[in-house]
Each structure stands twice: as C-alpha cells, then as structure tokens.
Amino acid sequence: MYLIIGLGNPGSEYEATRHNLGFLAVEELAKKLGLAEFKNKTKVHAFVGESIFEDKKIILAQPTTFMNNSGLAAQALLNWYKIHPDHLIVIHDDVDLEVGQVRVRPSGGAGGHHGIESIIAHINSTEFNRIRVGIGRESLSGDVSGYVLGKIKPEEQDILTTAIIKAADAALVIISKGTAAAMNQFNA
C-alpha cells in the first residue's frame, strides 16, 4: 500500500496558486487512476481517495490543514492506514527548481519548505519519497510567501500543467519500478 500526499492549502482563495501544485498533481493522479471523488475524512485531516494500481492499494490525499501543518495530516494518514514512511510519496512545489522542473528524491531535509518541515517533525523521519515541482522564484532574497501564494501566471500555465502530469507519472513509476527508476527517468 502507498500513500500519496499532495501538499497545498485548502479553500477557494488558494486554488490555482503555485503552492497548490501538490493538490493539482494528486487530482491528475486521480484522473489517471479513474478515481471519481475524494471524501473528507476529518479523522485524518484530509480529503482522501482510494484506488488500485498494479495490484497495490493507493491512498491519495489532500490535507485539509494549511501547508505549515501538513505533518498533522501525514501522521494521521500513516497511522490510520498503517503505512510505513518508506511507502509515503509527497508531491510539493519547490522555489529552488526552475519553473516546470520535476525532481524525485528518496529522502532528505526540508529545503526550507514549511510543509515538508511539518511532515518531518510529525512523523519523525526524513525517509520518505518526495516529488518536487519547480516554481522558480522572483527574487533570490527575502520572503517568498507572497510569490508561492500567488496565482499561476498565464505564461506559466502550460509548462506547469506539463510538470503536474510528469509529477503524477513519477509517483506511478515509484510505485511500479522504484524510486531509483523514477529518479533516472525524471531527474534528467
């Protein structure tokens, strides 16, 4: 069984923002897996959908916590479904990658991403898969919160749509062939 969490912020005011690319990737995965709807499961602080891929149960989740508290949902989901962190895949935006780049990592630090920091703190592990979707940054210094919470610009839309599809595909490759294969395919 695998748990795939797409990071983002709940609420219509955050739709189509750079910080919600994880949500969008999970929605793309749901389409690929033929999953029609997500259910709000308050016990695990997330909208959750379940599917099967290559005879493996897949749990897709969009936390209902805000980004900085994503770990609350991750911990609850791992405990509820009895999934080990090495079968956790987190999809999130990354300001340190160029717009549209997709990178797969098997573990590591948070890299300044508050959602990942929260997950590491709550599950007490850095050993989980991450799929990072590049959003770039407007400036090399200062606070990036206004940028990440900003709406996706029309000129970014096509490249980010392609990146979201790649991120969804990368999750499926991790499940079917392993993280190393996904890194070889998507980190080129």
Protein backbone atom coordinates (compact mmCIF):
# COMPACT_ATOMS: atom_id res chain seq x y z
CA MET A 1 0.00 0.00 0.00
CA TYR A 2 1.20 3.52 -0.84
CA LEU A 3 0.15 6.91 0.46
CA ILE A 4 0.50 9.85 -1.92
CA ILE A 5 0.00 13.26 -0.35
CA GLY A 6 -0.22 16.37 -2.48
CA LEU A 7 0.60 19.49 -0.50
CA GLY A 8 -1.43 22.67 -0.73
CA ASN A 9 -3.74 24.99 1.14
CA PRO A 10 -7.49 24.36 1.42
CA GLY A 11 -10.00 26.95 0.27
CA SER A 12 -11.01 28.60 -2.97
CA GLU A 13 -8.71 31.59 -2.41
CA TYR A 14 -5.70 29.26 -2.80
CA GLU A 15 -6.87 27.50 -5.96
CA ALA A 16 -4.52 27.97 -8.92
CA THR A 17 -1.66 29.19 -6.71
CA ARG A 18 1.90 27.93 -7.05
CA HIS A 19 1.78 26.49 -3.51
CA ASN A 20 -1.08 24.15 -4.51
CA LEU A 21 0.76 22.19 -7.21
CA GLY A 22 0.76 19.13 -4.95
CA PHE A 23 -3.05 19.23 -4.81
CA LEU A 24 -3.17 19.54 -8.61
CA ALA A 25 -0.81 16.58 -9.08
CA VAL A 26 -2.96 14.39 -6.82
CA GLU A 27 -6.02 15.42 -8.86
CA GLU A 28 -4.13 14.40 -12.02
CA LEU A 29 -3.31 11.05 -10.41
CA ALA A 30 -6.97 10.57 -9.54
CA LYS A 31 -7.85 11.05 -13.22
CA LYS A 32 -5.18 8.57 -14.32
CA LEU A 33 -6.44 6.01 -11.80
CA GLY A 34 -10.12 6.56 -12.64
CA LEU A 35 -10.92 7.87 -9.17
CA ALA A 36 -14.10 9.93 -9.32
CA GLU A 37 -14.18 11.61 -5.93
CA PHE A 38 -12.40 12.33 -2.70
CA LYS A 39 -14.09 12.08 0.69
CA ASN A 40 -13.44 14.48 3.54
CA LYS A 41 -12.11 12.29 6.35
CA THR A 42 -11.87 14.55 9.36
CA LYS A 43 -10.12 11.92 11.48
CA VAL A 44 -7.09 12.12 9.18
CA HIS A 45 -7.41 15.84 8.33
CA ALA A 46 -7.60 15.23 4.59
CA PHE A 47 -9.68 14.65 1.51
CA VAL A 48 -8.93 11.02 0.66
CA GLY A 49 -9.44 8.78 -2.34
CA GLU A 50 -8.52 5.11 -2.72
CA SER A 51 -7.60 3.19 -5.84
CA ILE A 52 -5.62 0.20 -7.08
CA PHE A 53 -2.55 0.42 -9.31
CA GLU A 54 -0.68 -2.71 -10.40
CA ASP A 55 -2.36 -4.72 -7.65
CA LYS A 56 -1.27 -2.23 -4.99
CA LYS A 57 -3.69 -0.15 -2.95
CA ILE A 58 -3.07 3.57 -3.40
CA ILE A 59 -4.31 6.23 -0.99
CA LEU A 60 -4.42 9.75 -2.45
CA ALA A 61 -4.71 12.63 -0.01
CA GLN A 62 -5.05 16.40 0.05
CA PRO A 63 -4.62 17.69 3.62
CA THR A 64 -7.31 19.98 4.98
CA THR A 65 -4.73 21.51 7.29
CA PHE A 66 -2.89 24.51 5.94
CA MET A 67 0.54 23.93 4.38
CA ASN A 68 2.51 24.65 7.55
CA ASN A 69 0.57 21.93 9.41
CA SER A 70 0.75 19.24 6.71
CA GLY A 71 2.51 16.91 9.12
CA LEU A 72 -0.64 16.58 11.22
CA ALA A 73 -2.44 15.01 8.24
CA ALA A 74 0.59 12.95 7.16
CA GLN A 75 0.97 11.42 10.63
CA ALA A 76 -2.75 10.70 10.95
CA LEU A 77 -2.89 9.11 7.48
CA LEU A 78 0.18 6.93 8.06
CA ASN A 79 -1.23 5.75 11.38
CA TRP A 80 -4.80 5.20 10.12
CA TYR A 81 -3.71 3.14 7.10
CA LYS A 82 -0.72 1.54 8.89
CA ILE A 83 1.72 2.65 6.19
CA HIS A 84 5.45 2.91 6.79
CA PRO A 85 7.08 6.22 5.74
CA ASP A 86 9.07 4.45 3.01
CA HIS A 87 5.73 3.98 1.21
CA LEU A 88 4.88 7.67 1.54
CA ILE A 89 5.17 9.91 -1.53
CA VAL A 90 4.79 13.66 -1.02
CA ILE A 91 4.31 15.96 -4.02
CA HIS A 92 5.05 19.65 -3.46
CA ASP A 93 6.16 22.90 -5.05
CA ASP A 94 9.81 23.99 -4.88
CA VAL A 95 11.12 27.53 -5.35
CA ASP A 96 14.67 26.23 -5.81
CA LEU A 97 13.84 24.48 -9.08
CA GLU A 98 13.18 26.24 -12.37
CA VAL A 99 9.54 26.58 -13.37
CA GLY A 100 8.35 23.22 -14.65
CA GLN A 101 11.28 21.07 -13.50
CA VAL A 102 10.34 17.85 -11.72
CA ARG A 103 12.74 16.11 -9.34
CA VAL A 104 12.34 12.88 -7.37
CA ARG A 105 14.17 12.35 -4.05
CA PRO A 106 14.06 9.30 -1.78
CA SER A 107 14.74 11.27 1.42
CA GLY A 108 16.40 14.40 2.77
CA GLY A 109 15.77 17.64 4.58
CA ALA A 110 13.01 20.16 4.09
CA GLY A 111 14.97 22.64 1.99
CA GLY A 112 13.05 25.48 3.63
CA HIS A 113 9.63 24.11 2.62
CA HIS A 114 7.35 24.53 5.65
CA GLY A 115 5.00 21.70 4.62
CA ILE A 116 7.92 19.25 4.44
CA GLU A 117 9.31 20.61 7.73
CA SER A 118 5.95 19.86 9.35
CA ILE A 119 5.84 16.32 7.96
CA ILE A 120 9.39 15.56 9.14
CA ALA A 121 8.57 16.89 12.62
CA HIS A 122 5.30 14.94 12.92
CA ILE A 123 6.41 11.58 11.55
CA ASN A 124 9.93 11.88 12.99
CA SER A 125 11.54 10.72 9.76
CA THR A 126 13.20 12.15 6.66
CA GLU A 127 12.97 8.78 4.90
CA PHE A 128 10.04 9.33 2.55
CA ASN A 129 9.81 9.97 -1.18
CA ARG A 130 9.34 13.50 -2.46
CA ILE A 131 8.38 14.70 -5.90
CA ARG A 132 9.32 18.35 -6.22
CA VAL A 133 7.71 20.56 -8.87
CA GLY A 134 9.68 23.68 -9.71
CA ILE A 135 8.00 27.05 -9.49
CA GLY A 136 11.17 29.19 -9.56
CA ARG A 137 11.32 32.42 -7.62
CA GLU A 138 11.06 36.09 -8.45
CA SER A 139 13.97 37.14 -6.23
CA LEU A 140 17.00 35.39 -4.75
CA SER A 141 16.49 37.04 -1.38
CA GLY A 142 13.70 37.81 1.02
CA ASP A 143 10.41 36.23 1.90
CA VAL A 144 8.92 34.05 -0.86
CA SER A 145 5.49 33.59 0.75
CA GLY A 146 3.79 36.19 -1.44
CA TYR A 147 5.24 34.53 -4.54
CA VAL A 148 4.30 30.94 -3.64
CA LEU A 149 0.80 32.02 -2.65
CA GLY A 150 0.44 33.98 -5.89
CA LYS A 151 -1.73 32.81 -8.76
CA ILE A 152 -0.08 30.91 -11.59
CA LYS A 153 0.60 33.36 -14.40
CA PRO A 154 -0.83 32.64 -17.86
CA GLU A 155 2.69 32.30 -19.30
CA GLU A 156 3.48 29.61 -16.68
CA GLN A 157 0.28 27.63 -17.15
CA ASP A 158 1.33 25.28 -19.98
CA ILE A 159 4.74 24.43 -18.50
CA LEU A 160 3.25 23.81 -15.03
CA THR A 161 0.43 21.69 -16.48
CA THR A 162 3.09 19.52 -18.14
CA ALA A 163 5.03 19.38 -14.85
CA ILE A 164 1.92 18.31 -12.93
CA ILE A 165 1.40 15.44 -15.39
CA LYS A 166 5.08 14.47 -15.02
CA ALA A 167 4.80 14.55 -11.22
CA ALA A 168 1.77 12.24 -11.34
CA ASP A 169 3.63 9.90 -13.70
CA ALA A 170 6.68 9.95 -11.40
CA ALA A 171 4.53 8.77 -8.48
CA LEU A 172 3.31 5.82 -10.54
CA VAL A 173 6.88 4.95 -11.58
CA ILE A 174 7.97 4.99 -7.92
CA ILE A 175 5.20 2.50 -7.14
CA SER A 176 5.77 0.23 -10.15
CA LYS A 177 9.56 0.35 -10.61
CA GLY A 178 11.01 2.01 -7.52
CA THR A 179 12.44 5.39 -6.57
CA ALA A 180 15.76 4.88 -8.37
CA ALA A 181 13.96 4.21 -11.66
CA ALA A 182 11.82 7.32 -11.16
CA MET A 183 14.93 9.40 -10.44
CA ASN A 184 16.60 8.10 -13.62
CA GLN A 185 13.52 8.90 -15.69
CA PHE A 186 12.50 12.28 -14.26
CA ASN A 187 15.69 13.87 -12.87
CA ALA A 188 17.35 14.11 -16.30
